Amino acid sequence: MPLYLTREQAGQVIHALPARSLERLFVLCLWSTGARVSELLALRVSDIRFEERTVQLPTLKRRRQVSRLVPLEPDVLGELAVYLSSHWRFKTTSDDPLIFDRSRGWAWLVVQRGCLEAGIDRRLAHPHAFRHGHVVHALKAGVPMTAIQDTVGHASIETTAHYGRLSLVDRREAYHAADFKVGP
């Protein structure tokens, strides 16, 4: 079973990072998109579709170049807009810089630092725990598995289904919500 962060843990990590920082924005985008680190590091300003409330992400694990539109919550779009307006100065209208112009090592360090500061178990202090958490949270919220598959860029529905293996605590919660009581 993949290790994953809960929504509460992801929020603790995000809020442990400095407000309006590139680090916080990166972790917020990891959680809210379910993207792979390499996909977020390849994100360009033009990939953000503010009007559509989506981001176009490359799907880097497939043999052919594919991209996918991922929905973004208004608060994430707001943080992206604030960060971009205060940190980017475009020289020409043809400028299309990378938003997170950093290395994979930087991404790992940001996540590790955020998890440490939030008091999160060090086994979860890696970027993929946010991706796993995104999928598990979406499944628990009732998002159709095919929608999750499209959002995170899984080539196979079996890969997405693998995330349905919940921890004992999450299984207990799910069964409690199902209400199997019979009779009057």
N, C-alpha and C. Protein backbone atom coordinates (compact mmCIF):
# COMPACT_ATOMS: atom_id res chain seq x y z
N MET A 1 0.85 -1.17 0.00
CA MET A 1 0.00 0.00 0.00
C MET A 1 0.90 1.24 0.00
N PRO A 2 0.62 2.20 -0.90
CA PRO A 2 1.45 3.40 -0.92
C PRO A 2 1.23 4.25 0.34
N LEU A 3 2.31 4.86 0.81
CA LEU A 3 2.20 5.79 1.92
C LEU A 3 1.64 7.10 1.38
N TYR A 4 0.73 7.70 2.11
CA TYR A 4 0.12 8.93 1.62
C TYR A 4 -0.16 9.89 2.77
N LEU A 5 -0.20 11.16 2.40
CA LEU A 5 -0.55 12.21 3.35
C LEU A 5 -2.06 12.40 3.35
N THR A 6 -2.61 12.67 4.50
CA THR A 6 -4.02 13.03 4.57
C THR A 6 -4.16 14.51 4.21
N ARG A 7 -5.38 14.94 4.00
CA ARG A 7 -5.63 16.35 3.71
C ARG A 7 -5.14 17.23 4.85
N GLU A 8 -5.36 16.78 6.07
CA GLU A 8 -4.94 17.56 7.23
C GLU A 8 -3.42 17.67 7.29
N GLN A 9 -2.73 16.56 7.03
CA GLN A 9 -1.27 16.59 7.04
C GLN A 9 -0.73 17.48 5.93
N ALA A 10 -1.31 17.39 4.74
CA ALA A 10 -0.87 18.25 3.64
C ALA A 10 -1.05 19.72 4.01
N GLY A 11 -2.18 20.04 4.64
CA GLY A 11 -2.42 21.41 5.08
C GLY A 11 -1.40 21.87 6.11
N GLN A 12 -1.02 20.97 7.02
CA GLN A 12 -0.01 21.33 8.02
C GLN A 12 1.32 21.65 7.36
N VAL A 13 1.70 20.85 6.36
CA VAL A 13 2.97 21.09 5.66
C VAL A 13 2.90 22.41 4.90
N ILE A 14 1.82 22.63 4.17
CA ILE A 14 1.68 23.86 3.38
C ILE A 14 1.76 25.08 4.28
N HIS A 15 1.07 25.03 5.42
CA HIS A 15 1.05 26.19 6.31
C HIS A 15 2.32 26.34 7.13
N ALA A 16 3.17 25.30 7.15
CA ALA A 16 4.46 25.40 7.84
C ALA A 16 5.48 26.16 6.99
N LEU A 17 5.21 26.27 5.70
CA LEU A 17 6.13 26.97 4.79
C LEU A 17 5.78 28.45 4.74
N PRO A 18 6.76 29.31 4.47
CA PRO A 18 6.51 30.75 4.46
C PRO A 18 5.41 31.16 3.47
N ALA A 19 4.51 32.02 3.93
CA ALA A 19 3.43 32.52 3.08
C ALA A 19 4.01 33.23 1.86
N ARG A 20 3.30 33.09 0.75
CA ARG A 20 3.66 33.73 -0.51
C ARG A 20 5.07 33.39 -1.00
N SER A 21 5.54 32.20 -0.62
CA SER A 21 6.87 31.77 -1.07
C SER A 21 6.73 30.76 -2.21
N LEU A 22 7.80 30.64 -2.99
CA LEU A 22 7.82 29.65 -4.07
C LEU A 22 7.70 28.25 -3.50
N GLU A 23 8.29 28.03 -2.34
CA GLU A 23 8.24 26.71 -1.70
C GLU A 23 6.80 26.32 -1.35
N ARG A 24 6.10 27.25 -0.72
CA ARG A 24 4.71 26.96 -0.34
C ARG A 24 3.85 26.74 -1.58
N LEU A 25 4.04 27.56 -2.60
CA LEU A 25 3.28 27.42 -3.84
C LEU A 25 3.54 26.06 -4.48
N PHE A 26 4.79 25.63 -4.47
CA PHE A 26 5.14 24.34 -5.05
C PHE A 26 4.42 23.20 -4.33
N VAL A 27 4.47 23.20 -3.00
CA VAL A 27 3.82 22.12 -2.24
C VAL A 27 2.30 22.18 -2.40
N LEU A 28 1.74 23.38 -2.42
CA LEU A 28 0.30 23.53 -2.66
C LEU A 28 -0.08 22.94 -4.01
N CYS A 29 0.73 23.20 -5.03
CA CYS A 29 0.45 22.65 -6.37
C CYS A 29 0.64 21.14 -6.40
N LEU A 30 1.64 20.62 -5.67
CA LEU A 30 1.80 19.16 -5.58
C LEU A 30 0.52 18.53 -5.06
N TRP A 31 0.01 19.07 -3.96
CA TRP A 31 -1.19 18.50 -3.33
C TRP A 31 -2.41 18.66 -4.21
N SER A 32 -2.63 19.85 -4.74
CA SER A 32 -3.89 20.13 -5.42
C SER A 32 -3.98 19.55 -6.83
N THR A 33 -2.84 19.26 -7.46
CA THR A 33 -2.87 18.69 -8.81
C THR A 33 -2.59 17.20 -8.86
N GLY A 34 -1.89 16.68 -7.84
CA GLY A 34 -1.48 15.28 -7.89
C GLY A 34 -0.37 15.05 -8.91
N ALA A 35 0.32 16.11 -9.30
CA ALA A 35 1.35 16.01 -10.33
C ALA A 35 2.61 15.33 -9.80
N ARG A 36 3.38 14.80 -10.73
CA ARG A 36 4.72 14.31 -10.42
C ARG A 36 5.64 15.52 -10.30
N VAL A 37 6.72 15.38 -9.56
CA VAL A 37 7.67 16.48 -9.38
C VAL A 37 8.15 17.01 -10.72
N SER A 38 8.56 16.12 -11.60
CA SER A 38 9.10 16.54 -12.89
C SER A 38 8.06 17.30 -13.72
N GLU A 39 6.79 16.95 -13.56
CA GLU A 39 5.74 17.65 -14.30
C GLU A 39 5.57 19.08 -13.80
N LEU A 40 5.61 19.25 -12.48
CA LEU A 40 5.49 20.62 -11.93
C LEU A 40 6.72 21.45 -12.24
N LEU A 41 7.89 20.84 -12.22
CA LEU A 41 9.11 21.59 -12.53
C LEU A 41 9.14 22.03 -13.99
N ALA A 42 8.38 21.38 -14.86
CA ALA A 42 8.30 21.75 -16.27
C ALA A 42 7.18 22.76 -16.55
N LEU A 43 6.45 23.17 -15.51
CA LEU A 43 5.30 24.06 -15.66
C LEU A 43 5.73 25.47 -16.07
N ARG A 44 5.09 25.97 -17.11
CA ARG A 44 5.37 27.33 -17.61
C ARG A 44 4.17 28.23 -17.31
N VAL A 45 4.42 29.52 -17.30
CA VAL A 45 3.36 30.48 -17.02
C VAL A 45 2.19 30.29 -17.98
N SER A 46 2.46 30.03 -19.25
CA SER A 46 1.39 29.87 -20.24
C SER A 46 0.54 28.61 -20.00
N ASP A 47 1.02 27.71 -19.17
CA ASP A 47 0.27 26.49 -18.88
C ASP A 47 -0.89 26.73 -17.93
N ILE A 48 -0.91 27.87 -17.27
CA ILE A 48 -1.99 28.19 -16.34
C ILE A 48 -3.12 28.82 -17.15
N ARG A 49 -4.30 28.25 -17.06
CA ARG A 49 -5.48 28.76 -17.76
C ARG A 49 -6.42 29.35 -16.71
N PHE A 50 -6.20 30.61 -16.38
CA PHE A 50 -6.97 31.24 -15.30
C PHE A 50 -8.47 31.26 -15.60
N GLU A 51 -8.83 31.54 -16.85
CA GLU A 51 -10.26 31.63 -17.21
C GLU A 51 -10.95 30.28 -17.06
N GLU A 52 -10.25 29.21 -17.43
CA GLU A 52 -10.82 27.86 -17.37
C GLU A 52 -10.63 27.22 -16.00
N ARG A 53 -9.86 27.83 -15.13
CA ARG A 53 -9.50 27.28 -13.82
C ARG A 53 -8.84 25.91 -13.95
N THR A 54 -7.87 25.85 -14.89
CA THR A 54 -7.13 24.62 -15.12
C THR A 54 -5.64 24.94 -15.30
N VAL A 55 -4.86 23.89 -15.24
CA VAL A 55 -3.45 23.96 -15.59
C VAL A 55 -3.18 22.83 -16.57
N GLN A 56 -2.38 23.12 -17.58
CA GLN A 56 -2.03 22.09 -18.55
C GLN A 56 -0.68 21.51 -18.14
N LEU A 57 -0.70 20.24 -17.77
CA LEU A 57 0.51 19.57 -17.31
C LEU A 57 0.99 18.57 -18.35
N PRO A 58 2.31 18.48 -18.55
CA PRO A 58 2.81 17.42 -19.41
C PRO A 58 2.70 16.10 -18.66
N THR A 59 2.39 15.03 -19.38
CA THR A 59 2.39 13.70 -18.77
C THR A 59 3.69 13.07 -19.19
N LEU A 60 4.66 13.05 -18.28
CA LEU A 60 6.02 12.70 -18.65
C LEU A 60 6.34 11.21 -18.60
N LYS A 61 5.47 10.39 -18.07
CA LYS A 61 5.78 8.96 -17.97
C LYS A 61 5.29 8.15 -19.16
N ARG A 62 4.66 8.78 -20.10
CA ARG A 62 4.18 8.06 -21.28
C ARG A 62 5.24 8.13 -22.37
N ARG A 63 5.18 7.18 -23.29
CA ARG A 63 6.20 7.13 -24.35
C ARG A 63 6.08 8.29 -25.33
N ARG A 64 4.88 8.76 -25.55
CA ARG A 64 4.71 9.90 -26.46
C ARG A 64 4.36 11.13 -25.62
N GLN A 65 4.67 12.29 -26.16
CA GLN A 65 4.41 13.53 -25.44
C GLN A 65 2.90 13.79 -25.38
N VAL A 66 2.38 13.84 -24.18
CA VAL A 66 0.96 14.07 -23.95
C VAL A 66 0.85 15.13 -22.87
N SER A 67 -0.23 15.88 -22.92
CA SER A 67 -0.49 16.80 -21.81
C SER A 67 -1.93 16.59 -21.36
N ARG A 68 -2.23 17.07 -20.17
CA ARG A 68 -3.57 16.91 -19.63
C ARG A 68 -3.98 18.18 -18.92
N LEU A 69 -5.27 18.46 -18.96
CA LEU A 69 -5.80 19.61 -18.24
C LEU A 69 -6.24 19.15 -16.86
N VAL A 70 -5.76 19.84 -15.85
CA VAL A 70 -6.05 19.50 -14.47
C VAL A 70 -6.81 20.67 -13.84
N PRO A 71 -7.96 20.39 -13.24
CA PRO A 71 -8.71 21.48 -12.60
C PRO A 71 -7.97 22.03 -11.38
N LEU A 72 -8.11 23.33 -11.18
CA LEU A 72 -7.50 23.99 -10.02
C LEU A 72 -8.57 24.71 -9.22
N GLU A 73 -8.45 24.62 -7.90
CA GLU A 73 -9.35 25.32 -7.00
C GLU A 73 -9.06 26.83 -7.06
N PRO A 74 -10.08 27.65 -6.83
CA PRO A 74 -9.87 29.11 -6.88
C PRO A 74 -8.78 29.61 -5.94
N ASP A 75 -8.62 28.99 -4.76
CA ASP A 75 -7.57 29.47 -3.84
C ASP A 75 -6.18 29.19 -4.40
N VAL A 76 -6.01 28.09 -5.11
CA VAL A 76 -4.71 27.78 -5.72
C VAL A 76 -4.44 28.75 -6.86
N LEU A 77 -5.45 29.00 -7.67
CA LEU A 77 -5.29 29.98 -8.75
C LEU A 77 -4.94 31.36 -8.19
N GLY A 78 -5.59 31.72 -7.08
CA GLY A 78 -5.31 33.00 -6.44
C GLY A 78 -3.87 33.09 -5.97
N GLU A 79 -3.37 32.01 -5.34
CA GLU A 79 -1.97 32.03 -4.89
C GLU A 79 -1.01 32.08 -6.07
N LEU A 80 -1.34 31.37 -7.15
CA LEU A 80 -0.51 31.45 -8.36
C LEU A 80 -0.50 32.87 -8.92
N ALA A 81 -1.66 33.49 -9.00
CA ALA A 81 -1.75 34.85 -9.54
C ALA A 81 -0.96 35.84 -8.69
N VAL A 82 -1.11 35.74 -7.38
CA VAL A 82 -0.39 36.65 -6.48
C VAL A 82 1.11 36.45 -6.63
N TYR A 83 1.55 35.21 -6.64
CA TYR A 83 2.98 34.95 -6.75
C TYR A 83 3.52 35.46 -8.08
N LEU A 84 2.84 35.11 -9.17
CA LEU A 84 3.32 35.53 -10.49
C LEU A 84 3.33 37.05 -10.64
N SER A 85 2.31 37.72 -10.14
CA SER A 85 2.26 39.18 -10.30
C SER A 85 3.32 39.88 -9.46
N SER A 86 3.72 39.27 -8.36
CA SER A 86 4.71 39.95 -7.52
C SER A 86 6.15 39.49 -7.76
N HIS A 87 6.35 38.38 -8.45
CA HIS A 87 7.71 37.86 -8.63
C HIS A 87 8.20 37.81 -10.07
N TRP A 88 7.32 37.93 -11.04
CA TRP A 88 7.76 37.82 -12.42
C TRP A 88 7.66 39.16 -13.11
N ARG A 89 8.72 39.52 -13.77
CA ARG A 89 8.73 40.71 -14.61
C ARG A 89 9.05 40.24 -16.02
N PHE A 90 8.05 40.25 -16.87
CA PHE A 90 8.25 39.76 -18.22
C PHE A 90 8.88 40.84 -19.08
N LYS A 91 9.92 40.43 -19.82
CA LYS A 91 10.63 41.37 -20.68
C LYS A 91 9.84 41.66 -21.95
N THR A 92 9.26 40.61 -22.51
CA THR A 92 8.45 40.76 -23.72
C THR A 92 7.21 39.89 -23.57
N THR A 93 6.27 40.08 -24.46
CA THR A 93 5.06 39.27 -24.40
C THR A 93 5.33 37.83 -24.79
N SER A 94 6.50 37.57 -25.41
CA SER A 94 6.81 36.19 -25.79
C SER A 94 7.51 35.42 -24.66
N ASP A 95 7.83 36.08 -23.56
CA ASP A 95 8.44 35.38 -22.42
C ASP A 95 7.47 34.33 -21.88
N ASP A 96 7.97 33.16 -21.63
CA ASP A 96 7.17 32.10 -21.05
C ASP A 96 8.05 31.29 -20.10
N PRO A 97 8.41 31.90 -18.98
CA PRO A 97 9.36 31.23 -18.08
C PRO A 97 8.75 30.05 -17.33
N LEU A 98 9.63 29.20 -16.85
CA LEU A 98 9.23 28.13 -15.95
C LEU A 98 8.82 28.77 -14.63
N ILE A 99 7.75 28.29 -14.02
CA ILE A 99 7.32 28.84 -12.74
C ILE A 99 8.24 28.37 -11.63
N PHE A 100 8.53 27.08 -11.62
CA PHE A 100 9.40 26.50 -10.60
C PHE A 100 10.72 26.14 -11.27
N ASP A 101 11.54 27.14 -11.53
CA ASP A 101 12.79 26.94 -12.24
C ASP A 101 13.84 26.44 -11.25
N ARG A 102 13.65 25.21 -10.78
CA ARG A 102 14.50 24.62 -9.76
C ARG A 102 14.77 23.15 -10.11
N SER A 103 15.56 22.49 -9.27
CA SER A 103 15.93 21.09 -9.51
C SER A 103 15.04 20.14 -8.71
N ARG A 104 15.11 18.87 -9.04
CA ARG A 104 14.39 17.85 -8.28
C ARG A 104 14.89 17.82 -6.84
N GLY A 105 16.18 18.04 -6.64
CA GLY A 105 16.74 18.08 -5.30
C GLY A 105 16.12 19.18 -4.46
N TRP A 106 15.90 20.34 -5.08
CA TRP A 106 15.24 21.46 -4.39
C TRP A 106 13.84 21.04 -3.95
N ALA A 107 13.11 20.36 -4.85
CA ALA A 107 11.74 19.93 -4.55
C ALA A 107 11.74 18.99 -3.34
N TRP A 108 12.65 18.04 -3.32
CA TRP A 108 12.74 17.11 -2.20
C TRP A 108 13.05 17.84 -0.90
N LEU A 109 13.99 18.76 -0.95
CA LEU A 109 14.36 19.51 0.26
C LEU A 109 13.20 20.35 0.78
N VAL A 110 12.45 20.96 -0.11
CA VAL A 110 11.30 21.77 0.29
C VAL A 110 10.28 20.90 1.01
N VAL A 111 9.97 19.75 0.44
CA VAL A 111 9.00 18.85 1.05
C VAL A 111 9.51 18.33 2.39
N GLN A 112 10.77 17.94 2.44
CA GLN A 112 11.34 17.44 3.69
C GLN A 112 11.32 18.51 4.78
N ARG A 113 11.69 19.74 4.42
CA ARG A 113 11.69 20.83 5.40
C ARG A 113 10.28 21.11 5.89
N GLY A 114 9.32 21.17 4.97
CA GLY A 114 7.93 21.42 5.35
C GLY A 114 7.38 20.34 6.25
N CYS A 115 7.68 19.07 5.94
CA CYS A 115 7.20 17.96 6.76
C CYS A 115 7.85 18.00 8.14
N LEU A 116 9.14 18.29 8.19
CA LEU A 116 9.84 18.37 9.47
C LEU A 116 9.23 19.47 10.34
N GLU A 117 9.02 20.65 9.75
CA GLU A 117 8.47 21.77 10.50
C GLU A 117 7.03 21.52 10.93
N ALA A 118 6.30 20.70 10.18
CA ALA A 118 4.91 20.39 10.52
C ALA A 118 4.79 19.18 11.45
N GLY A 119 5.92 18.53 11.75
CA GLY A 119 5.89 17.38 12.63
C GLY A 119 5.33 16.13 11.97
N ILE A 120 5.45 16.02 10.66
CA ILE A 120 4.95 14.87 9.91
C ILE A 120 6.00 13.76 9.90
N ASP A 121 5.54 12.52 10.03
CA ASP A 121 6.41 11.35 10.00
C ASP A 121 7.37 11.44 8.82
N ARG A 122 8.65 11.23 9.07
CA ARG A 122 9.66 11.38 8.01
C ARG A 122 9.47 10.40 6.86
N ARG A 123 8.75 9.28 7.09
CA ARG A 123 8.47 8.34 5.99
C ARG A 123 7.58 8.99 4.92
N LEU A 124 6.87 10.04 5.30
CA LEU A 124 5.99 10.74 4.36
C LEU A 124 6.64 12.00 3.78
N ALA A 125 7.88 12.23 4.13
CA ALA A 125 8.56 13.46 3.73
C ALA A 125 9.19 13.33 2.35
N HIS A 126 8.35 13.03 1.37
CA HIS A 126 8.81 12.98 -0.02
C HIS A 126 7.67 13.46 -0.92
N PRO A 127 8.01 14.04 -2.06
CA PRO A 127 6.97 14.62 -2.93
C PRO A 127 5.89 13.65 -3.37
N HIS A 128 6.23 12.38 -3.57
CA HIS A 128 5.24 11.43 -4.06
C HIS A 128 4.14 11.16 -3.03
N ALA A 129 4.41 11.40 -1.76
CA ALA A 129 3.39 11.23 -0.73
C ALA A 129 2.24 12.21 -0.94
N PHE A 130 2.53 13.36 -1.54
CA PHE A 130 1.47 14.32 -1.87
C PHE A 130 0.64 13.81 -3.04
N ARG A 131 1.29 13.23 -4.03
CA ARG A 131 0.58 12.64 -5.18
C ARG A 131 -0.32 11.51 -4.70
N HIS A 132 0.24 10.62 -3.89
CA HIS A 132 -0.55 9.51 -3.36
C HIS A 132 -1.72 10.04 -2.54
N GLY A 133 -1.45 11.04 -1.70
CA GLY A 133 -2.50 11.63 -0.87
C GLY A 133 -3.60 12.26 -1.70
N HIS A 134 -3.22 12.92 -2.80
CA HIS A 134 -4.20 13.54 -3.70
C HIS A 134 -5.16 12.47 -4.22
N VAL A 135 -4.61 11.35 -4.69
CA VAL A 135 -5.44 10.29 -5.27
C VAL A 135 -6.34 9.68 -4.19
N VAL A 136 -5.79 9.37 -3.04
CA VAL A 136 -6.59 8.76 -1.97
C VAL A 136 -7.69 9.71 -1.51
N HIS A 137 -7.34 10.99 -1.37
CA HIS A 137 -8.35 11.97 -0.94
C HIS A 137 -9.47 12.07 -1.98
N ALA A 138 -9.11 12.09 -3.26
CA ALA A 138 -10.12 12.17 -4.32
C ALA A 138 -11.02 10.93 -4.31
N LEU A 139 -10.43 9.75 -4.12
CA LEU A 139 -11.22 8.53 -4.05
C LEU A 139 -12.19 8.57 -2.87
N LYS A 140 -11.68 9.00 -1.71
CA LYS A 140 -12.52 9.07 -0.51
C LYS A 140 -13.64 10.09 -0.68
N ALA A 141 -13.40 11.12 -1.48
CA ALA A 141 -14.40 12.16 -1.69
C ALA A 141 -15.43 11.75 -2.75
N GLY A 142 -15.23 10.59 -3.37
CA GLY A 142 -16.20 10.10 -4.35
C GLY A 142 -15.94 10.52 -5.78
N VAL A 143 -14.76 11.06 -6.07
CA VAL A 143 -14.43 11.42 -7.45
C VAL A 143 -14.32 10.13 -8.26
N PRO A 144 -14.96 10.07 -9.43
CA PRO A 144 -14.88 8.85 -10.23
C PRO A 144 -13.43 8.48 -10.56
N MET A 145 -13.15 7.18 -10.53
CA MET A 145 -11.79 6.72 -10.74
C MET A 145 -11.24 7.14 -12.11
N THR A 146 -12.10 7.17 -13.13
CA THR A 146 -11.62 7.58 -14.45
C THR A 146 -11.23 9.07 -14.47
N ALA A 147 -11.93 9.88 -13.69
CA ALA A 147 -11.56 11.31 -13.60
C ALA A 147 -10.21 11.46 -12.90
N ILE A 148 -9.99 10.66 -11.87
CA ILE A 148 -8.71 10.71 -11.17
C ILE A 148 -7.59 10.23 -12.10
N GLN A 149 -7.85 9.17 -12.82
CA GLN A 149 -6.87 8.64 -13.78
C GLN A 149 -6.45 9.73 -14.76
N ASP A 150 -7.42 10.45 -15.32
CA ASP A 150 -7.12 11.51 -16.27
C ASP A 150 -6.36 12.65 -15.60
N THR A 151 -6.74 13.00 -14.38
CA THR A 151 -6.12 14.12 -13.68
C THR A 151 -4.66 13.85 -13.37
N VAL A 152 -4.35 12.66 -12.87
CA VAL A 152 -2.97 12.38 -12.47
C VAL A 152 -2.13 11.77 -13.59
N GLY A 153 -2.75 11.45 -14.72
CA GLY A 153 -2.00 10.98 -15.88
C GLY A 153 -1.59 9.52 -15.84
N HIS A 154 -2.40 8.69 -15.18
CA HIS A 154 -2.11 7.26 -15.19
C HIS A 154 -2.51 6.68 -16.55
N ALA A 155 -1.65 5.87 -17.12
CA ALA A 155 -1.96 5.23 -18.40
C ALA A 155 -3.00 4.13 -18.22
N SER A 156 -3.04 3.53 -17.03
CA SER A 156 -3.92 2.39 -16.79
C SER A 156 -4.81 2.66 -15.57
N ILE A 157 -6.06 2.26 -15.65
CA ILE A 157 -6.98 2.41 -14.52
C ILE A 157 -6.55 1.51 -13.36
N GLU A 158 -5.82 0.43 -13.65
CA GLU A 158 -5.33 -0.45 -12.59
C GLU A 158 -4.35 0.30 -11.67
N THR A 159 -3.57 1.18 -12.24
CA THR A 159 -2.65 1.98 -11.42
C THR A 159 -3.43 2.86 -10.46
N THR A 160 -4.48 3.49 -10.96
CA THR A 160 -5.32 4.33 -10.11
C THR A 160 -6.01 3.49 -9.05
N ALA A 161 -6.49 2.32 -9.43
CA ALA A 161 -7.20 1.45 -8.49
C ALA A 161 -6.30 1.01 -7.34
N HIS A 162 -5.01 0.92 -7.59
CA HIS A 162 -4.06 0.53 -6.55
C HIS A 162 -4.15 1.46 -5.34
N TYR A 163 -4.47 2.72 -5.58
CA TYR A 163 -4.56 3.70 -4.49
C TYR A 163 -5.82 3.51 -3.65
N GLY A 164 -6.72 2.69 -4.11
CA GLY A 164 -7.92 2.41 -3.33
C GLY A 164 -7.64 1.58 -2.09
N ARG A 165 -6.44 1.07 -1.97
CA ARG A 165 -6.05 0.30 -0.78
C ARG A 165 -5.76 1.29 0.33
N LEU A 166 -6.74 1.48 1.19
CA LEU A 166 -6.65 2.48 2.25
C LEU A 166 -6.04 1.92 3.53
N SER A 167 -5.58 2.83 4.36
CA SER A 167 -5.09 2.43 5.67
C SER A 167 -6.26 1.91 6.50
N LEU A 168 -5.97 1.21 7.58
CA LEU A 168 -7.02 0.68 8.44
C LEU A 168 -7.91 1.80 8.98
N VAL A 169 -7.32 2.90 9.38
CA VAL A 169 -8.11 4.03 9.90
C VAL A 169 -9.07 4.54 8.83
N ASP A 170 -8.57 4.71 7.60
CA ASP A 170 -9.43 5.20 6.52
C ASP A 170 -10.50 4.18 6.15
N ARG A 171 -10.16 2.89 6.19
CA ARG A 171 -11.18 1.86 5.89
C ARG A 171 -12.26 1.87 6.95
N ARG A 172 -11.86 2.02 8.20
CA ARG A 172 -12.83 2.06 9.29
C ARG A 172 -13.78 3.24 9.10
N GLU A 173 -13.24 4.40 8.76
CA GLU A 173 -14.08 5.59 8.51
C GLU A 173 -15.04 5.35 7.35
N ALA A 174 -14.54 4.76 6.28
CA ALA A 174 -15.38 4.51 5.10
C ALA A 174 -16.52 3.57 5.44
N TYR A 175 -16.22 2.52 6.19
CA TYR A 175 -17.27 1.57 6.57
C TYR A 175 -18.26 2.20 7.53
N HIS A 176 -17.77 3.03 8.42
CA HIS A 176 -18.67 3.72 9.36
C HIS A 176 -19.66 4.60 8.58
N ALA A 177 -19.17 5.28 7.57
CA ALA A 177 -20.03 6.16 6.76
C ALA A 177 -21.01 5.36 5.92
N ALA A 178 -20.70 4.10 5.62
CA ALA A 178 -21.58 3.28 4.78
C ALA A 178 -22.86 2.87 5.51
N ASP A 179 -22.83 2.81 6.81
CA ASP A 179 -24.01 2.50 7.63
C ASP A 179 -24.67 1.20 7.21
N PHE A 180 -24.21 0.09 7.74
CA PHE A 180 -24.73 -1.23 7.41
C PHE A 180 -25.84 -1.68 8.37
N LYS A 181 -26.38 -0.79 9.16
CA LYS A 181 -27.43 -1.16 10.10
C LYS A 181 -28.66 -1.68 9.35
N VAL A 182 -29.29 -2.69 9.95
CA VAL A 182 -30.52 -3.25 9.37
C VAL A 182 -31.62 -3.19 10.40
N GLY A 183 -32.80 -3.24 9.92
CA GLY A 183 -33.95 -3.28 10.84
C GLY A 183 -34.41 -1.89 11.26
N PRO A 184 -35.42 -1.89 12.14
CA PRO A 184 -36.03 -0.63 12.54
C PRO A 184 -35.15 0.23 13.41
